[in-house]
Each structure stands twice: as C-alpha cells, then as structure tokens.
Amino acid sequence: MVEDGFRSRRVLTIPRIWLIGHPLMLAVHRIAYKVPCYFVVFGLCRNYDNYEIARASARGWIFWLILPISEDVRTSTRRVPPPPARRRSRFGYDHRWWGETEGTAVEDRRSYWTLTRRPLPCLAFVTPILLTYEFGVLWLGGKSAASYRTGADAWMRHVLAGVGLTDHWFLPFCLIIALLAWHATNPRDWKFRPSSLMGMAFESVLLAVALVGLSRVVDIGFTCLEHAPTVVSLGAEPSAQVHPAAPLIGFLGAGVYEEALFRLALVPFFFGVLRLLQTPTVLASSIAVTTSALLFSLAHHAGSPGETFTWFAFIFRWLAGVYFAWVFVVRGFGVAVGTHSAYDVLVGWIGWHL
C-alpha cells in the first residue's frame, strides 16, 4: 500500500526476473500508467493550491521512473492534513466534477453564480424561449408544423413517434418535469431573485460574442488550407421559408433542444458510465465533454437535411460543443441554452460577425 498524500492505492508488484526478460513491459508500464497518473495528480493538486501534496506526488513520479516497479517506493509516509475550508469559486463550479470533497468548498446560496446554476432558475429562464419556439412553430406551420422543427427536436419527436407518443406538448412537458425533478432532488430553496434572469441573459450574450470570436480564430487557422466562411451557424440552415420569422423561431428551438440532448442528457450520461468503470473524475469529465461535442458536430451532417461536410464546419462545431459543454458544467443549463440561442440569432438571423 502506497501513501502518496493524495490517496492510498495498491501497487502491482512484478518479480525482477520478469523485468530482465521483458524490458518492453517495463517501458510500456511506465509510459502508459505512471506518467499520466502522476501528471494528473500533480496538476490536480496544484489546482487545489495544495503544493505540499503536489511536490510529494512529483517526487514519487520521478522515483517511479528511475526505480524498477518491483520496488515498494513510498513517496510520503505521513498524512497531509486537508486544506482549510474555502469559499466556492465565484463562477459556481460543481466540486463533484473535479473530485473535490464537500468539506473544501463552502457554498454561498445567495450568490448569483450559485443561484443561476440551480434547475429552478434555469427552468424560469428557458421556459420563455421554449414556449416562443413551440407556439411559433404552431403559428407558422399549423397542421404542417413538423416542417418547421429543428434537427434535435425533430430527431427526438421521431423517436417518440416510434413508440406512439405524438402529442405536440409531450416533449416540452418532459423537459419541464425533468428540470423540476432535478431541483427537487437537491435541498435548495424554491425561491430566487427575478433580477438574476436579466443577469443570465446578459451573460449569455457575452458568451455568444466570445464564441463568435472563437469562430474568427478558427477561420484564420483555415485560411491557408481552404476557403472557409467567416462564421458558421450552429443550427440547421432553414430551407426556403416564406415568413421572415421562421429562421428566428428555428434558432430558438435549436438552442433549447440541442442543449437538452447533447449537454443536459449526454454529458451526465457519459460521465456516469465512465465513473462506474472507475475512470478518474477529471478524465471522465473530459471524455464526456469531448464525446458529446463530437456527436453534436456530426449530427449537423447526418440525415437527409444534413449540411455538406467541410473540415472547417466540423471542427468549429466540435469546439463549439466543447464550449457549450463547459458552459453547462460551470454555469448551468440555462446559461448554456441562452448562449446557444444568442449565438444562432446573432450569426444566423442578424448576420453579425467580428
């Protein structure tokens, strides 16, 4: 058993005679296991401002690279006391995503950054966007409302229709119930300041403008490789529509349902599966974010109305998916929906770019 100041774990001991006959096994073990393990431990501890643990882990990493793995190297024999209690980050990140214990973060429930991450304020912020989209589709399409639905909404309704659930309001009702159930599982107050919704809207616009800047950076990187448009809309390009409000309605729906599918549903799902497989917390969150972003990018090129594949659009949407996923993790579902909708409206409907 090795005490490295961060956690206790068992070390696999291999007889020295095996290492003499199999030097490749030793090299593979050191590269594939030891190096990533201690890089992650050192970086994680340094982010917690616990440099004593980080130095102990770094020393253990160096000794493990030099000595055979049959040596029982103890990087630290004394238990390092836990860091003192500190306030949660002003951006309201969830300590469970970073492997931080409950005792190391003190949550301020009245803080704007914490309040706006709760499901109930997110529901209050998303509901007007959701209802505008649903009533707009009925107003524009009438009996042929399905032709005005966005990609993620159309995909989920197609799956529900396969099991006989074809009611127009069933999907938005499920989303509202899911957010209410999520809020009910946490011992939080059922009150919030209405002024925080204005802050969420302003924050969403700022994050959308930052994403427009990211698209400009990706465009500059692709200028030497291929001709690429300055910005790419994240929603499916609307077909020839008669009413000028049709693209606006579609972009609002894309912000709600794409975030609900690829962030609210897939990111926690992938993260939970990876944690069940004993994947480290930081690695599991990174894989969950990246995988959901790749599926988000590929979805825009799939199906009959899919967009023609270009590397610029694919890579930018993948980066945008990672961007939205971290907004979802750090700032919550409501701000993620607002950022997605604001970006699509700015780029696809207004035509604004840097």
Protein backbone atom coordinates (compact mmCIF):
# COMPACT_ATOMS: atom_id res chain seq x y z
CA MET A 1 0.00 0.00 0.00
CA VAL A 2 1.46 3.35 -1.03
CA GLU A 3 0.67 6.58 0.87
CA ASP A 4 1.25 9.44 -1.56
CA GLY A 5 -0.56 12.18 0.35
CA PHE A 6 -3.42 12.20 -2.14
CA ARG A 7 -4.91 8.73 -1.85
CA SER A 8 -3.97 5.18 -0.88
CA ARG A 9 -3.67 2.56 -3.57
CA ARG A 10 -2.11 -0.83 -4.19
CA VAL A 11 0.98 -1.18 -6.37
CA LEU A 12 1.23 -4.12 -8.74
CA THR A 13 4.49 -5.95 -7.90
CA ILE A 14 6.20 -7.86 -10.72
CA PRO A 15 9.20 -10.16 -9.99
CA ARG A 16 12.52 -8.67 -11.02
CA ILE A 17 13.32 -11.71 -13.19
CA TRP A 18 10.36 -10.81 -15.43
CA LEU A 19 11.68 -7.30 -15.94
CA ILE A 20 15.08 -8.60 -17.09
CA GLY A 21 13.46 -10.74 -19.76
CA HIS A 22 10.79 -8.23 -20.68
CA PRO A 23 12.21 -4.69 -20.77
CA LEU A 24 9.45 -3.66 -23.15
CA MET A 25 6.87 -4.47 -20.47
CA LEU A 26 8.59 -2.09 -18.08
CA ALA A 27 8.72 0.71 -20.65
CA VAL A 28 5.06 0.29 -21.57
CA HIS A 29 4.07 0.24 -17.90
CA ARG A 30 5.97 3.43 -17.14
CA ILE A 31 4.67 5.31 -20.18
CA ALA A 32 1.06 4.10 -20.10
CA TYR A 33 0.44 4.17 -16.35
CA LYS A 34 2.95 6.06 -14.26
CA VAL A 35 3.46 9.19 -16.34
CA PRO A 36 -0.24 10.04 -16.91
CA CYS A 37 -1.11 9.11 -13.32
CA TYR A 38 1.36 11.48 -11.72
CA PHE A 39 0.84 14.27 -14.24
CA VAL A 40 -2.88 14.19 -13.40
CA VAL A 41 -2.23 14.03 -9.63
CA PHE A 42 0.29 16.87 -9.73
CA GLY A 43 -1.89 19.11 -11.90
CA LEU A 44 -5.00 18.36 -9.84
CA CYS A 45 -3.27 19.08 -6.54
CA ARG A 46 -1.72 22.27 -7.87
CA ASN A 47 -5.18 23.49 -8.89
CA TYR A 48 -6.28 22.97 -5.29
CA ASP A 49 -3.40 25.23 -4.11
CA ASN A 50 -2.04 22.31 -2.05
CA TYR A 51 1.57 22.49 -3.15
CA GLU A 52 2.78 20.17 -0.41
CA ILE A 53 0.78 17.31 -1.91
CA ALA A 54 1.81 18.32 -5.41
CA ARG A 55 5.52 18.24 -4.53
CA ALA A 56 5.16 14.82 -2.87
CA SER A 57 3.40 13.46 -5.95
CA ALA A 58 6.06 14.92 -8.24
CA ARG A 59 8.84 13.30 -6.19
CA GLY A 60 7.04 9.98 -6.37
CA TRP A 61 6.69 10.33 -10.13
CA ILE A 62 10.46 10.90 -10.54
CA PHE A 63 11.44 7.96 -8.32
CA TRP A 64 8.99 5.64 -10.05
CA LEU A 65 10.53 6.44 -13.43
CA ILE A 66 14.04 5.57 -12.18
CA LEU A 67 13.49 2.50 -9.98
CA PRO A 68 12.03 -0.88 -11.08
CA ILE A 69 8.33 -1.28 -10.42
CA SER A 70 9.04 -4.19 -8.02
CA GLU A 71 10.43 -1.64 -5.54
CA ASP A 72 7.88 -0.54 -2.95
CA VAL A 73 8.56 3.18 -3.10
CA ARG A 74 6.80 5.29 -0.51
CA THR A 75 6.50 8.87 -1.69
CA SER A 76 5.28 10.16 1.64
CA THR A 77 4.78 8.31 4.93
CA ARG A 78 2.78 10.96 6.71
CA ARG A 79 -0.75 12.02 6.06
CA VAL A 80 -1.04 15.59 4.80
CA PRO A 81 -3.85 17.47 6.56
CA PRO A 82 -6.76 18.54 4.35
CA PRO A 83 -6.73 22.11 3.05
CA PRO A 84 -8.69 24.66 5.07
CA ALA A 85 -12.28 25.33 4.15
CA ARG A 86 -12.63 27.98 1.49
CA ARG A 87 -15.46 29.58 -0.39
CA ARG A 88 -16.73 28.09 -3.59
CA SER A 89 -15.39 29.61 -6.78
CA ARG A 90 -17.14 32.81 -7.76
CA PHE A 91 -18.10 31.12 -11.02
CA GLY A 92 -20.05 28.47 -9.10
CA TYR A 93 -18.40 25.32 -10.47
CA ASP A 94 -19.53 22.00 -9.10
CA HIS A 95 -16.88 20.44 -6.85
CA ARG A 96 -18.07 16.91 -7.75
CA TRP A 97 -16.79 17.36 -11.32
CA TRP A 98 -13.26 17.99 -10.03
CA GLY A 99 -13.13 15.34 -7.31
CA GLU A 100 -13.22 17.94 -4.54
CA THR A 101 -14.76 16.91 -1.24
CA GLU A 102 -17.74 18.61 0.29
CA GLY A 103 -15.69 19.99 3.16
CA THR A 104 -13.31 22.00 1.00
CA ALA A 105 -15.89 24.26 -0.61
CA VAL A 106 -18.33 26.45 1.23
CA GLU A 107 -21.28 27.35 -0.92
CA ASP A 108 -22.90 30.75 -0.78
CA ARG A 109 -26.51 30.00 -1.70
CA ARG A 110 -27.31 33.68 -2.18
CA SER A 111 -24.54 34.26 -4.71
CA TYR A 112 -25.59 34.99 -8.28
CA TRP A 113 -23.07 32.45 -9.61
CA THR A 114 -24.53 29.69 -7.43
CA LEU A 115 -28.18 30.68 -7.78
CA THR A 116 -28.19 30.72 -11.58
CA ARG A 117 -26.86 27.16 -11.77
CA ARG A 118 -29.87 25.68 -9.98
CA PRO A 119 -32.51 23.89 -12.06
CA LEU A 120 -35.39 26.16 -11.00
CA PRO A 121 -33.85 29.46 -12.20
CA CYS A 122 -32.69 27.63 -15.32
CA LEU A 123 -36.26 26.49 -15.93
CA ALA A 124 -37.59 30.03 -15.44
CA PHE A 125 -35.01 31.32 -17.92
CA VAL A 126 -35.53 28.59 -20.55
CA THR A 127 -39.34 28.41 -20.42
CA PRO A 128 -39.99 31.69 -22.35
CA ILE A 129 -37.58 30.56 -25.10
CA LEU A 130 -39.21 27.13 -25.20
CA LEU A 131 -42.77 28.48 -25.36
CA THR A 132 -41.82 31.05 -28.01
CA TYR A 133 -40.46 28.25 -30.17
CA GLU A 134 -43.40 25.87 -29.65
CA PHE A 135 -46.10 28.49 -30.26
CA GLY A 136 -44.08 29.90 -33.15
CA VAL A 137 -43.95 26.50 -34.85
CA LEU A 138 -47.71 26.10 -34.46
CA TRP A 139 -48.30 29.62 -35.74
CA LEU A 140 -46.05 29.21 -38.78
CA GLY A 141 -46.82 25.63 -39.72
CA GLY A 142 -50.29 24.88 -38.46
CA LYS A 143 -51.00 21.28 -39.44
CA SER A 144 -47.61 21.01 -41.16
CA ALA A 145 -45.67 22.23 -38.13
CA ALA A 146 -43.21 19.33 -38.40
CA SER A 147 -41.53 21.00 -41.39
CA TYR A 148 -40.52 23.95 -39.19
CA ARG A 149 -38.91 21.92 -36.42
CA THR A 150 -35.16 21.99 -35.85
CA GLY A 151 -32.85 18.98 -36.04
CA ALA A 152 -32.68 17.88 -32.39
CA ASP A 153 -36.39 18.50 -31.85
CA ALA A 154 -37.28 16.56 -35.00
CA TRP A 155 -34.99 13.64 -34.07
CA MET A 156 -36.42 13.24 -30.56
CA ARG A 157 -40.00 13.53 -31.80
CA HIS A 158 -39.29 10.92 -34.46
CA VAL A 159 -38.10 8.52 -31.75
CA LEU A 160 -41.14 9.27 -29.59
CA ALA A 161 -43.45 8.77 -32.57
CA GLY A 162 -41.97 5.30 -32.98
CA VAL A 163 -43.43 4.32 -29.60
CA GLY A 164 -46.74 6.07 -30.18
CA LEU A 165 -46.07 9.38 -28.37
CA THR A 166 -47.06 12.00 -30.92
CA ASP A 167 -48.60 14.76 -28.79
CA HIS A 168 -47.20 18.21 -29.60
CA TRP A 169 -46.63 19.18 -25.95
CA PHE A 170 -45.23 15.88 -24.69
CA LEU A 171 -41.55 16.71 -25.32
CA PRO A 172 -41.56 20.21 -23.75
CA PHE A 173 -43.58 18.79 -20.85
CA CYS A 174 -40.89 16.13 -20.30
CA LEU A 175 -38.17 18.78 -20.28
CA ILE A 176 -40.01 20.89 -17.70
CA ILE A 177 -40.71 17.86 -15.49
CA ALA A 178 -37.06 16.76 -15.71
CA LEU A 179 -35.81 20.15 -14.51
CA LEU A 180 -38.37 20.25 -11.69
CA ALA A 181 -37.43 16.72 -10.60
CA TRP A 182 -33.75 17.65 -10.73
CA HIS A 183 -34.42 20.64 -8.49
CA ALA A 184 -36.48 18.53 -6.08
CA THR A 185 -33.60 16.10 -5.54
CA ASN A 186 -31.44 18.88 -4.05
CA PRO A 187 -32.24 20.54 -0.71
CA ARG A 188 -32.44 24.02 -2.19
CA ASP A 189 -34.81 26.88 -1.65
CA TRP A 190 -37.69 27.20 -4.11
CA LYS A 191 -37.10 30.94 -4.33
CA PHE A 192 -34.78 33.07 -6.42
CA ARG A 193 -34.38 36.70 -7.36
CA PRO A 194 -36.09 37.57 -10.68
CA SER A 195 -33.29 40.05 -11.38
CA SER A 196 -30.92 37.11 -11.78
CA LEU A 197 -32.70 36.21 -15.03
CA MET A 198 -31.57 39.52 -16.52
CA GLY A 199 -28.03 38.71 -15.48
CA MET A 200 -28.29 35.32 -17.17
CA ALA A 201 -29.48 36.97 -20.39
CA PHE A 202 -26.61 39.47 -20.34
CA GLU A 203 -24.13 36.70 -19.56
CA SER A 204 -25.48 34.59 -22.44
CA VAL A 205 -24.97 37.42 -24.92
CA LEU A 206 -21.39 37.96 -23.73
CA LEU A 207 -20.58 34.26 -24.05
CA ALA A 208 -22.17 34.20 -27.51
CA VAL A 209 -19.98 37.11 -28.61
CA ALA A 210 -16.95 35.22 -27.29
CA LEU A 211 -17.98 32.22 -29.40
CA VAL A 212 -18.18 34.45 -32.47
CA GLY A 213 -14.60 35.45 -31.70
CA LEU A 214 -13.66 31.77 -31.49
CA SER A 215 -15.15 31.18 -34.93
CA ARG A 216 -12.99 34.02 -36.23
CA VAL A 217 -9.88 32.38 -34.77
CA VAL A 218 -10.75 29.05 -36.39
CA ASP A 219 -11.38 30.85 -39.68
CA ILE A 220 -7.92 32.43 -39.56
CA GLY A 221 -6.41 29.00 -38.98
CA PHE A 222 -8.16 27.58 -42.04
CA THR A 223 -7.41 30.40 -44.47
CA CYS A 224 -4.22 28.68 -45.63
CA LEU A 225 -5.95 25.31 -46.06
CA GLU A 226 -9.29 26.02 -47.67
CA HIS A 227 -11.76 28.80 -48.29
CA ALA A 228 -14.00 28.93 -45.24
CA PRO A 229 -16.86 31.24 -44.26
CA THR A 230 -16.22 33.69 -41.50
CA VAL A 231 -18.83 32.24 -39.16
CA VAL A 232 -20.92 29.09 -39.05
CA SER A 233 -24.43 28.85 -37.69
CA LEU A 234 -24.84 26.03 -35.18
CA GLY A 235 -28.45 25.39 -36.13
CA ALA A 236 -29.52 23.74 -39.34
CA GLU A 237 -29.84 26.20 -42.17
CA PRO A 238 -33.54 26.84 -42.79
CA SER A 239 -34.99 25.89 -46.10
CA ALA A 240 -36.73 28.40 -48.30
CA GLN A 241 -39.23 29.90 -45.89
CA VAL A 242 -41.91 32.45 -46.66
CA HIS A 243 -42.16 34.11 -43.28
CA PRO A 244 -39.08 36.10 -42.13
CA ALA A 245 -39.61 34.96 -38.52
CA ALA A 246 -39.16 31.28 -39.42
CA PRO A 247 -35.34 31.28 -39.05
CA LEU A 248 -35.59 33.10 -35.72
CA ILE A 249 -38.06 30.54 -34.37
CA GLY A 250 -35.83 27.70 -35.57
CA PHE A 251 -32.73 29.13 -33.92
CA LEU A 252 -34.54 29.48 -30.58
CA GLY A 253 -35.63 25.86 -30.77
CA ALA A 254 -32.11 24.71 -31.65
CA GLY A 255 -30.74 26.39 -28.55
CA VAL A 256 -33.22 24.62 -26.27
CA TYR A 257 -33.40 21.11 -27.69
CA GLU A 258 -29.77 20.71 -28.77
CA GLU A 259 -28.60 21.73 -25.31
CA ALA A 260 -31.17 19.42 -23.73
CA LEU A 261 -30.00 16.47 -25.82
CA PHE A 262 -26.23 16.93 -26.11
CA ARG A 263 -25.49 18.65 -22.79
CA LEU A 264 -28.29 18.02 -20.29
CA ALA A 265 -28.72 14.35 -21.27
CA LEU A 266 -25.48 13.09 -22.86
CA VAL A 267 -22.81 14.79 -20.74
CA PRO A 268 -24.10 13.40 -17.38
CA PHE A 269 -24.81 10.04 -19.05
CA PHE A 270 -21.26 9.61 -20.38
CA PHE A 271 -19.80 10.92 -17.13
CA GLY A 272 -21.85 8.47 -15.04
CA VAL A 273 -20.92 5.48 -17.21
CA LEU A 274 -17.22 6.34 -17.06
CA ARG A 275 -17.33 6.76 -13.29
CA LEU A 276 -18.97 3.33 -12.99
CA LEU A 277 -15.98 2.00 -14.93
CA GLN A 278 -13.67 3.54 -12.28
CA THR A 279 -12.40 6.25 -14.61
CA PRO A 280 -10.75 9.16 -12.73
CA THR A 281 -13.09 12.09 -12.26
CA VAL A 282 -11.16 14.65 -14.29
CA LEU A 283 -10.58 12.20 -17.15
CA ALA A 284 -14.24 11.11 -17.10
CA SER A 285 -15.49 14.69 -17.31
CA SER A 286 -13.09 15.49 -20.16
CA ILE A 287 -14.12 12.41 -22.15
CA ALA A 288 -17.82 13.11 -21.55
CA VAL A 289 -17.47 16.69 -22.76
CA THR A 290 -15.41 15.74 -25.82
CA THR A 291 -17.65 12.82 -26.84
CA SER A 292 -20.86 14.84 -26.58
CA ALA A 293 -19.22 17.63 -28.60
CA LEU A 294 -18.20 15.22 -31.37
CA LEU A 295 -21.73 13.83 -31.58
CA PHE A 296 -23.05 17.40 -31.64
CA SER A 297 -20.82 18.26 -34.59
CA LEU A 298 -21.54 15.04 -36.50
CA ALA A 299 -25.30 15.47 -36.04
CA HIS A 300 -25.29 18.55 -38.27
CA HIS A 301 -24.01 16.45 -41.18
CA ALA A 302 -26.29 13.43 -40.64
CA GLY A 303 -29.65 12.67 -42.21
CA SER A 304 -31.31 13.88 -45.35
CA PRO A 305 -31.28 17.62 -44.44
CA GLY A 306 -27.68 17.37 -43.23
CA GLU A 307 -25.17 20.02 -44.19
CA THR A 308 -22.38 19.23 -46.66
CA PHE A 309 -19.29 18.13 -44.73
CA THR A 310 -16.37 20.57 -44.51
CA TRP A 311 -13.50 20.37 -42.08
CA PHE A 312 -13.98 23.98 -41.05
CA ALA A 313 -17.62 23.48 -40.08
CA PHE A 314 -16.94 20.14 -38.39
CA ILE A 315 -14.00 21.35 -36.28
CA PHE A 316 -15.67 24.61 -35.34
CA ARG A 317 -18.89 22.86 -34.25
CA TRP A 318 -16.81 20.39 -32.26
CA LEU A 319 -15.05 23.27 -30.48
CA ALA A 320 -18.42 24.97 -30.01
CA GLY A 321 -19.77 21.75 -28.50
CA VAL A 322 -16.88 21.67 -26.03
CA TYR A 323 -17.51 25.36 -25.30
CA PHE A 324 -21.22 24.80 -24.62
CA ALA A 325 -20.49 21.72 -22.51
CA TRP A 326 -18.16 23.63 -20.22
CA VAL A 327 -20.66 26.48 -20.03
CA PHE A 328 -23.21 23.86 -18.98
CA VAL A 329 -20.88 22.37 -16.35
CA VAL A 330 -19.63 25.68 -14.96
CA ARG A 331 -22.65 27.97 -15.43
CA GLY A 332 -25.62 25.65 -15.73
CA PHE A 333 -28.23 24.60 -18.27
CA GLY A 334 -29.97 27.97 -18.50
CA VAL A 335 -26.89 29.97 -19.50
CA ALA A 336 -25.89 27.22 -21.96
CA VAL A 337 -29.29 27.47 -23.68
CA GLY A 338 -29.11 31.26 -23.69
CA THR A 339 -25.60 31.25 -25.15
CA HIS A 340 -26.52 28.79 -27.90
CA SER A 341 -29.68 30.66 -28.85
CA ALA A 342 -27.96 34.06 -28.74
CA TYR A 343 -25.14 32.85 -30.98
CA ASP A 344 -27.52 31.38 -33.57
CA VAL A 345 -29.61 34.55 -33.60
CA LEU A 346 -26.57 36.83 -33.88
CA VAL A 347 -24.95 34.83 -36.68
CA GLY A 348 -27.81 33.13 -38.49
CA TRP A 349 -30.61 35.70 -38.24
CA ILE A 350 -28.94 39.09 -37.76
CA GLY A 351 -25.83 38.15 -39.73
CA TRP A 352 -23.41 39.78 -37.28
CA HIS A 353 -19.78 38.70 -37.05
CA LEU A 354 -16.45 40.11 -35.93
